Amino acid sequence: MSIAPATDVALAYVMIEENLYDKELLDRYFIGFSREALPLDAPKNASYMDYVLGTRYDNTPKTPK
């Protein structure tokens, strides 16, 4: 079974909320996944996690609902 189109962000939300990801690996290899992995000149709260959790842009958590 594969992930349905446009549901990857909802899956990321669940993985972040339930701590089902390897933060060290993502921070090391994916620039901007978390706030700690943002470039120095990036805007505050501009990480992928901020987007998924709704703490930036539209203030809407990207939940499966």
Protein backbone atom coordinates (compact mmCIF):
# COMPACT_ATOMS: atom_id res chain seq x y z
CA MET A 1 0.00 0.00 0.00
CA SER A 2 1.34 3.43 -0.89
CA ILE A 3 0.69 6.87 0.52
CA ALA A 4 -2.28 8.56 -1.12
CA PRO A 5 -1.51 11.76 -3.05
CA ALA A 6 -1.47 14.90 -0.90
CA THR A 7 -1.34 12.97 2.39
CA ASP A 8 2.43 13.01 2.94
CA VAL A 9 2.24 16.14 5.12
CA ALA A 10 -0.43 14.52 7.32
CA LEU A 11 1.84 11.49 7.67
CA ALA A 12 4.73 13.79 8.61
CA TYR A 13 2.48 15.42 11.24
CA VAL A 14 1.76 12.06 12.88
CA MET A 15 5.43 11.05 12.75
CA ILE A 16 6.50 14.33 14.38
CA GLU A 17 3.77 14.31 17.04
CA GLU A 18 4.43 10.67 17.96
CA ASN A 19 8.22 11.05 17.72
CA LEU A 20 8.48 8.37 15.01
CA TYR A 21 11.44 9.85 13.17
CA ASP A 22 15.21 10.05 13.59
CA LYS A 23 15.76 13.73 14.43
CA GLU A 24 19.55 13.45 14.43
CA LEU A 25 19.58 11.95 10.93
CA LEU A 26 17.12 14.50 9.54
CA ASP A 27 18.92 17.46 11.10
CA ARG A 28 22.20 16.20 9.71
CA TYR A 29 21.11 15.50 6.13
CA PHE A 30 18.06 17.72 5.50
CA ILE A 31 18.59 21.44 5.79
CA GLY A 32 15.65 23.09 7.49
CA PHE A 33 13.78 20.07 8.80
CA SER A 34 13.80 21.50 12.32
CA ARG A 35 14.62 24.98 13.62
CA GLU A 36 18.04 23.74 14.73
CA ALA A 37 18.83 22.72 11.14
CA LEU A 38 17.87 26.03 9.52
CA PRO A 39 20.56 28.14 7.87
CA LEU A 40 21.57 31.15 9.95
CA ASP A 41 19.95 33.60 7.52
CA ALA A 42 16.60 31.75 7.37
CA PRO A 43 13.49 33.37 8.83
CA LYS A 44 12.50 32.31 12.32
CA ASN A 45 10.00 29.42 12.40
CA ALA A 46 10.67 28.59 8.74
CA SER A 47 11.45 24.92 9.20
CA TYR A 48 9.49 22.05 7.68
CA MET A 49 8.37 21.07 11.19
CA ASP A 50 6.99 24.58 11.73
CA TYR A 51 5.00 24.24 8.51
CA VAL A 52 3.66 20.78 9.40
CA LEU A 53 2.79 21.71 12.98
CA GLY A 54 1.19 24.99 11.91
CA THR A 55 3.52 27.31 13.81
CA ARG A 56 4.22 29.33 10.66
CA TYR A 57 2.44 30.38 7.48
CA ASP A 58 -1.25 29.67 8.11
CA ASN A 59 -1.24 28.60 11.79
CA THR A 60 -3.03 25.39 10.77
CA PRO A 61 -1.57 22.06 11.89
CA LYS A 62 -1.52 19.63 8.97
CA THR A 63 -3.29 16.82 10.83
CA PRO A 64 -4.78 13.74 9.16
CA LYS A 65 -8.24 15.21 9.83
